[in-house]
Protein backbone atom coordinates (compact mmCIF):
# COMPACT_ATOMS: atom_id res chain seq x y z
CA MET A 1 -25.57 -22.87 -45.18
CA SER A 2 -23.35 -25.78 -44.40
CA ALA A 3 -20.30 -23.47 -44.15
CA PHE A 4 -22.30 -21.35 -41.55
CA THR A 5 -23.25 -24.50 -39.60
CA LEU A 6 -19.56 -25.64 -39.53
CA HIS A 7 -18.51 -22.24 -38.41
CA SER A 8 -21.08 -22.29 -35.65
CA ARG A 9 -20.05 -25.78 -34.60
CA GLY A 10 -16.41 -24.68 -34.45
CA ASP A 11 -17.35 -21.64 -32.40
CA ARG A 12 -19.32 -23.81 -29.97
CA PHE A 13 -16.46 -26.34 -29.66
CA PHE A 14 -14.00 -23.34 -29.15
CA GLY A 15 -16.32 -22.07 -26.50
CA TYR A 16 -16.70 -25.27 -24.65
CA ALA A 17 -12.85 -25.86 -24.76
CA ASN A 18 -12.31 -22.38 -23.39
CA GLY A 19 -14.78 -22.94 -20.62
CA PHE A 20 -13.30 -26.24 -19.66
CA LEU A 21 -9.73 -24.80 -19.52
CA LEU A 22 -10.94 -21.81 -17.57
CA ALA A 23 -12.80 -24.17 -15.12
CA LEU A 24 -9.48 -26.06 -14.55
CA PHE A 25 -7.61 -22.75 -14.02
CA VAL A 26 -10.26 -21.52 -11.51
CA LEU A 27 -10.14 -24.88 -9.64
CA GLY A 28 -6.33 -24.85 -9.55
CA THR A 29 -6.31 -21.25 -8.22
CA LEU A 30 -9.05 -21.84 -5.61
CA TYR A 31 -7.81 -25.24 -4.29
CA PRO A 32 -4.93 -23.89 -2.23
CA PHE A 33 -7.17 -21.44 -0.53
CA ILE A 34 -9.84 -24.28 0.16
CA TYR A 35 -7.18 -26.63 1.50
CA ILE A 36 -5.57 -24.02 3.69
CA LEU A 37 -9.07 -23.22 5.10
CA ALA A 38 -9.87 -26.93 5.60
CA ALA A 39 -6.46 -27.63 7.19
CA SER A 40 -6.89 -24.72 9.64
CA ILE A 41 -9.98 -26.24 11.22
CA SER A 42 -8.96 -29.79 11.04
CA SER A 43 -7.11 -31.69 13.85
CA GLY A 44 -3.31 -31.81 13.64
CA ALA A 45 -3.31 -35.67 13.21
CA ALA A 46 -5.71 -35.50 10.25
CA VAL A 47 -3.56 -33.03 8.40
CA THR A 48 -0.26 -34.70 9.21
CA SER A 49 -1.63 -38.01 7.94
CA GLY A 50 -2.90 -36.50 4.66
CA ARG A 51 -6.48 -37.07 5.28
CA VAL A 52 -7.54 -33.49 4.54
CA PHE A 53 -8.18 -32.86 0.88
CA LEU A 54 -11.18 -30.56 0.34
CA PHE A 55 -13.18 -30.68 3.55
CA PRO A 56 -12.11 -30.45 7.22
CA VAL A 57 -11.47 -33.66 9.23
CA ASP A 58 -12.18 -33.97 12.99
CA LEU A 59 -13.32 -30.26 13.02
CA THR A 60 -11.63 -28.22 15.74
CA LEU A 61 -10.58 -24.58 16.30
CA ALA A 62 -7.57 -25.44 18.33
CA ALA A 63 -5.07 -23.95 15.80
CA TYR A 64 -7.05 -20.59 15.92
CA GLU A 65 -7.05 -20.68 19.63
CA ARG A 66 -3.38 -21.24 19.68
CA VAL A 67 -2.65 -18.34 17.28
CA LEU A 68 -5.07 -15.88 18.83
CA SER A 69 -3.64 -16.45 22.35
CA ASP A 70 -0.06 -15.57 21.17
CA ARG A 71 0.65 -11.91 21.80
CA MET A 72 3.23 -11.74 18.97
CA PHE A 73 0.56 -12.61 16.40
CA TRP A 74 -1.33 -9.35 17.38
CA VAL A 75 1.98 -7.45 17.47
CA SER A 76 3.00 -8.58 14.11
CA TYR A 77 -0.66 -8.19 12.80
CA GLY A 78 -0.55 -4.58 13.97
CA ASN A 79 2.88 -3.93 12.37
CA THR A 80 1.66 -5.30 9.04
CA PHE A 81 -1.22 -2.91 9.20
CA LEU A 82 1.13 0.04 9.90
CA TYR A 83 3.61 -0.92 7.11
CA THR A 84 0.83 -1.69 4.63
CA PHE A 85 -1.43 1.46 5.14
CA GLY A 86 1.29 3.84 6.27
CA GLY A 87 3.49 2.81 3.41
CA THR A 88 0.63 2.94 0.88
CA ALA A 89 -0.25 6.49 2.03
CA MET A 90 3.42 7.52 1.78
CA SER A 91 3.60 5.98 -1.69
CA LEU A 92 0.64 7.82 -2.98
CA LEU A 93 2.05 11.16 -1.56
CA ILE A 94 5.12 10.63 -3.71
CA ILE A 95 3.65 8.80 -6.71
CA VAL A 96 0.69 11.14 -7.37
CA PRO A 97 2.64 14.51 -7.54
CA GLY A 98 5.54 12.82 -9.32
CA ALA A 99 3.37 11.28 -12.03
CA TYR A 100 1.55 14.70 -12.43
CA ALA A 101 4.81 16.53 -12.92
CA LEU A 102 6.17 14.06 -15.42
CA SER A 103 2.85 14.44 -17.39
CA ARG A 104 3.31 18.13 -17.78
CA HIS A 105 4.78 18.88 -21.29
CA GLN A 106 6.06 22.36 -20.10
CA LEU A 107 8.31 20.56 -17.61
CA ARG A 108 11.92 21.42 -18.45
CA GLY A 109 13.91 18.15 -18.92
CA ARG A 110 10.77 16.20 -18.99
CA ARG A 111 12.28 13.65 -21.40
CA PHE A 112 15.29 13.15 -19.22
CA PHE A 113 13.33 12.63 -16.13
CA ASN A 114 10.97 10.19 -17.78
CA LEU A 115 14.01 8.26 -18.96
CA MET A 116 15.50 8.12 -15.54
CA VAL A 117 12.30 6.81 -14.05
CA ALA A 118 12.00 4.16 -16.83
CA PHE A 119 15.62 3.29 -16.51
CA THR A 120 15.04 1.99 -12.87
CA LEU A 121 12.55 -0.62 -14.37
CA TRP A 122 15.45 -2.26 -16.16
CA PHE A 123 18.41 -1.58 -13.88
CA HIS A 124 18.84 -0.91 -10.21
CA ALA A 125 21.66 -0.69 -7.75
CA GLY A 126 20.95 -3.96 -5.99
CA MET A 127 20.53 -5.30 -2.49
CA ILE A 128 23.86 -4.36 -0.96
CA PRO A 129 24.00 -0.57 -1.89
CA PHE A 130 20.30 -0.30 -0.69
CA PHE A 131 21.16 -1.86 2.49
CA LEU A 132 24.18 0.42 3.02
CA ASN A 133 22.10 3.37 2.26
CA MET A 134 19.47 2.32 4.93
CA ARG A 135 22.31 1.76 7.40
CA ASP A 136 23.91 5.24 6.71
CA LEU A 137 20.47 6.91 7.09
CA GLY A 138 19.89 5.26 10.45
CA LEU A 139 16.92 3.28 9.24
CA LEU A 140 17.97 -0.24 10.06
CA ASP A 141 15.59 -1.92 12.60
CA SER A 142 13.31 0.86 12.13
CA ARG A 143 9.55 0.87 11.31
CA LEU A 144 10.17 4.17 9.41
CA GLY A 145 12.62 2.47 7.32
CA ILE A 146 10.10 -0.14 6.06
CA ILE A 147 7.46 2.52 5.50
CA ILE A 148 9.46 5.07 3.49
CA GLY A 149 12.31 2.79 1.99
CA PHE A 150 10.09 1.42 -0.55
CA ALA A 151 7.53 4.33 -1.05
CA CYS A 152 8.50 5.03 -4.77
CA ASN A 153 7.81 2.62 -7.57
CA ALA A 154 8.68 3.44 -11.21
CA PHE A 155 5.87 1.23 -12.69
CA ASN A 156 3.27 2.90 -10.60
CA ILE A 157 4.62 6.35 -11.52
CA ILE A 158 4.50 5.46 -15.27
CA LEU A 159 1.04 3.96 -15.02
CA LEU A 160 -0.43 7.03 -13.39
CA ARG A 161 1.56 9.43 -15.61
CA ASN A 162 -0.07 7.79 -18.69
CA PHE A 163 -3.51 8.30 -17.17
CA PHE A 164 -2.75 11.89 -16.35
CA GLU A 165 -1.70 12.45 -20.01
CA ALA A 166 -5.05 10.97 -21.22
CA VAL A 167 -7.07 13.51 -19.17
CA PRO A 168 -8.69 15.84 -21.92
CA LYS A 169 -6.90 19.18 -22.22
CA ALA A 170 -10.26 20.98 -22.05
CA PHE A 171 -10.47 20.31 -18.38
CA GLU A 172 -7.14 21.75 -17.69
CA GLU A 173 -7.66 24.81 -19.94
CA ALA A 174 -11.03 25.60 -18.14
CA ALA A 175 -9.41 25.47 -14.80
CA ARG A 176 -6.45 27.54 -15.92
CA MET A 177 -8.94 30.18 -17.16
CA ASP A 178 -10.38 30.24 -13.59
CA GLY A 179 -6.96 30.99 -12.14
CA ALA A 180 -6.20 27.47 -10.84
CA SER A 181 -2.57 26.80 -9.73
CA ASP A 182 -0.82 23.53 -10.49
CA PHE A 183 -1.72 22.33 -6.87
CA GLN A 184 -5.42 23.21 -7.36
CA LEU A 185 -5.44 21.57 -10.85
CA LEU A 186 -3.96 18.37 -9.37
CA TRP A 187 -6.24 18.30 -6.38
CA LYS A 188 -9.52 19.41 -7.96
CA VAL A 189 -9.26 18.12 -11.55
CA PHE A 190 -6.68 15.38 -12.14
CA ILE A 191 -7.30 13.40 -8.90
CA PRO A 192 -10.99 13.17 -9.05
CA LEU A 193 -10.80 12.21 -12.75
CA SER A 194 -8.13 9.66 -12.12
CA LYS A 195 -9.78 7.57 -9.25
CA PRO A 196 -9.65 4.26 -11.23
CA ALA A 197 -5.83 4.65 -11.76
CA ILE A 198 -5.05 5.85 -8.23
CA ALA A 199 -7.19 2.97 -6.85
CA THR A 200 -5.18 0.61 -9.06
CA VAL A 201 -1.90 2.00 -7.79
CA ALA A 202 -3.12 1.86 -4.20
CA LEU A 203 -4.04 -1.79 -4.64
CA PHE A 204 -0.58 -2.63 -6.00
CA CYS A 205 0.92 -0.92 -3.05
CA ILE A 206 -1.30 -2.65 -0.44
CA VAL A 207 -0.81 -6.24 -1.81
CA THR A 208 3.09 -5.65 -2.20
CA ARG A 209 3.45 -4.35 1.29
CA TRP A 210 1.01 -6.78 2.96
CA ASN A 211 3.07 -9.75 1.54
CA GLY A 212 6.38 -8.10 2.31
CA TYR A 213 8.83 -10.50 3.75
CA PHE A 214 12.34 -10.25 2.37
CA TRP A 215 13.29 -6.70 3.17
CA ALA A 216 11.61 -6.92 6.57
CA MET A 217 13.73 -10.01 7.26
CA VAL A 218 16.98 -8.15 6.16
CA LEU A 219 16.27 -4.68 7.78
CA LEU A 220 14.51 -5.61 11.02
CA ARG A 221 16.05 -7.12 14.03
CA GLY A 222 13.69 -6.46 17.00
CA GLU A 223 10.92 -9.08 17.40
CA GLU A 224 8.48 -6.31 18.32
CA LYS A 225 8.70 -4.84 14.79
CA ILE A 226 8.27 -7.91 12.62
CA PRO A 227 5.30 -8.10 10.12
CA LEU A 228 2.93 -10.98 9.87
CA GLN A 229 4.83 -12.81 7.21
CA LEU A 230 8.01 -13.01 9.49
CA TYR A 231 5.83 -14.19 12.30
CA LEU A 232 4.69 -17.10 10.06
CA LYS A 233 8.23 -17.95 9.35
CA ARG A 234 9.02 -17.82 13.17
CA VAL A 235 6.20 -20.36 13.68
CA ILE A 236 7.29 -22.66 11.04
CA VAL A 237 11.04 -22.50 11.45
CA ASP A 238 11.87 -21.27 14.96
CA LEU A 239 9.01 -23.08 17.02
CA SER A 240 9.72 -26.28 15.16
CA ALA A 241 13.07 -26.34 17.08
CA ASN A 242 11.42 -25.44 20.35
CA ASP A 243 11.23 -28.48 22.62
CA GLU A 244 8.52 -27.02 24.79
CA PHE A 245 6.36 -26.16 21.79
CA ALA A 246 6.96 -29.62 20.37
CA ALA A 247 5.99 -31.31 23.57
CA SER A 248 2.71 -29.35 23.70
CA LEU A 249 1.74 -30.87 20.38
CA LEU A 250 1.59 -34.24 21.88
CA THR A 251 -1.36 -33.27 24.12
CA SER A 252 -3.19 -30.79 21.74
CA ARG A 253 -5.26 -31.06 18.61
CA TYR A 254 -3.25 -28.70 16.58
CA SER A 255 0.15 -29.13 14.66
CA PHE A 256 2.68 -26.99 12.97
CA GLU A 257 0.74 -27.42 9.82
CA THR A 258 -2.66 -26.41 11.25
CA VAL A 259 -1.15 -23.35 13.10
CA SER A 260 0.60 -22.21 9.98
CA ALA A 261 -2.63 -22.60 8.00
CA ALA A 262 -4.55 -20.63 10.62
CA ILE A 263 -2.08 -17.75 10.26
CA MET A 264 -2.28 -17.92 6.42
CA VAL A 265 -6.06 -17.56 6.62
CA ALA A 266 -5.89 -14.64 9.01
CA SER A 267 -3.30 -12.97 6.72
CA ILE A 268 -5.41 -13.14 3.66
CA ILE A 269 -8.69 -11.89 5.10
CA PRO A 270 -7.95 -8.15 4.97
CA VAL A 271 -6.91 -8.23 1.35
CA LEU A 272 -10.12 -10.30 0.43
CA LEU A 273 -12.14 -7.67 2.27
CA ILE A 274 -10.45 -4.69 0.45
CA TYR A 275 -10.33 -6.11 -3.18
CA PRO A 276 -14.03 -6.16 -3.93
CA TYR A 277 -14.24 -2.40 -3.17
CA VAL A 278 -11.46 -1.49 -5.66
CA GLN A 279 -11.88 -4.28 -8.16
CA LYS A 280 -14.38 -2.11 -10.16
CA TYR A 281 -11.52 0.44 -10.73
CA PHE A 282 -8.86 -2.09 -11.35
CA SER A 283 -9.55 -3.16 -14.96
CA LYS A 284 -10.19 0.35 -15.93
CA GLY A 285 -7.12 1.72 -14.43
CA ILE A 286 -4.86 -0.82 -16.02
CA LEU A 287 -6.41 -0.36 -19.40
CA LEU A 288 -6.35 3.39 -19.46
CA GLY A 289 -3.06 3.78 -17.59
CA GLY A 290 -1.27 1.41 -19.81
CA VAL A 291 -2.09 3.19 -23.00
CA LYS A 292 -0.35 6.51 -23.94
CA GLU A 293 -2.19 8.66 -26.42
């Protein structure tokens, strides 16, 4: 009886310790979002002086008024939507058929093709060869280059391939008996049964492209084509050296910090709105797609 009691006390202590550590982790994760939101609706003087911690000080929407009145904010926002959802659609058009083909055991050279896809997870050509390829294809300073240049991802192909391989053979055999072609098999059987994995891959693509910064900075030259992340860099770095903008701060209630915070809040809203709809598929897609039977 005493051993059972000690075991129960140990379990309770372990549960309390886990709960405490998880609470610290959640607070550490949420605090940056809370601070950015509070800073975006506080006065520039309050943020600069370090008086903003959890709650806004000297409540004002001046930073949002400054951001929303800038035409380049809306241009970059539209570009980001185009790169994100156009690029995600292009990625799915390549990844889904590619993963289906690699999951077919009757594919000649299947082992070789799978090895070549997996090889790119460990080794890749690097930045300079990719840049030269984009230049030779005429895709520098091009929206099309950002959309199609990063459409294929080996990890996503392998994740979806494993999910396709886990689909029961009975479904495929029944469809074959009804005369279904490979295209019909993919469209009417595998895709409907693989919604969790496809939603997971789509979420990966959306988040990656929405946060895309480096390659947009390398490949794009025209200001009208920059995404939201480059616009944020322009506000922080370029405008800080602008004497006219710096002078306007003296008579306004916003600052570089509050304007940057307002842009950050605006940039994370779409992802926060999308994630709840695909979250129910996310865990299942990762679990089933990461296990090969």
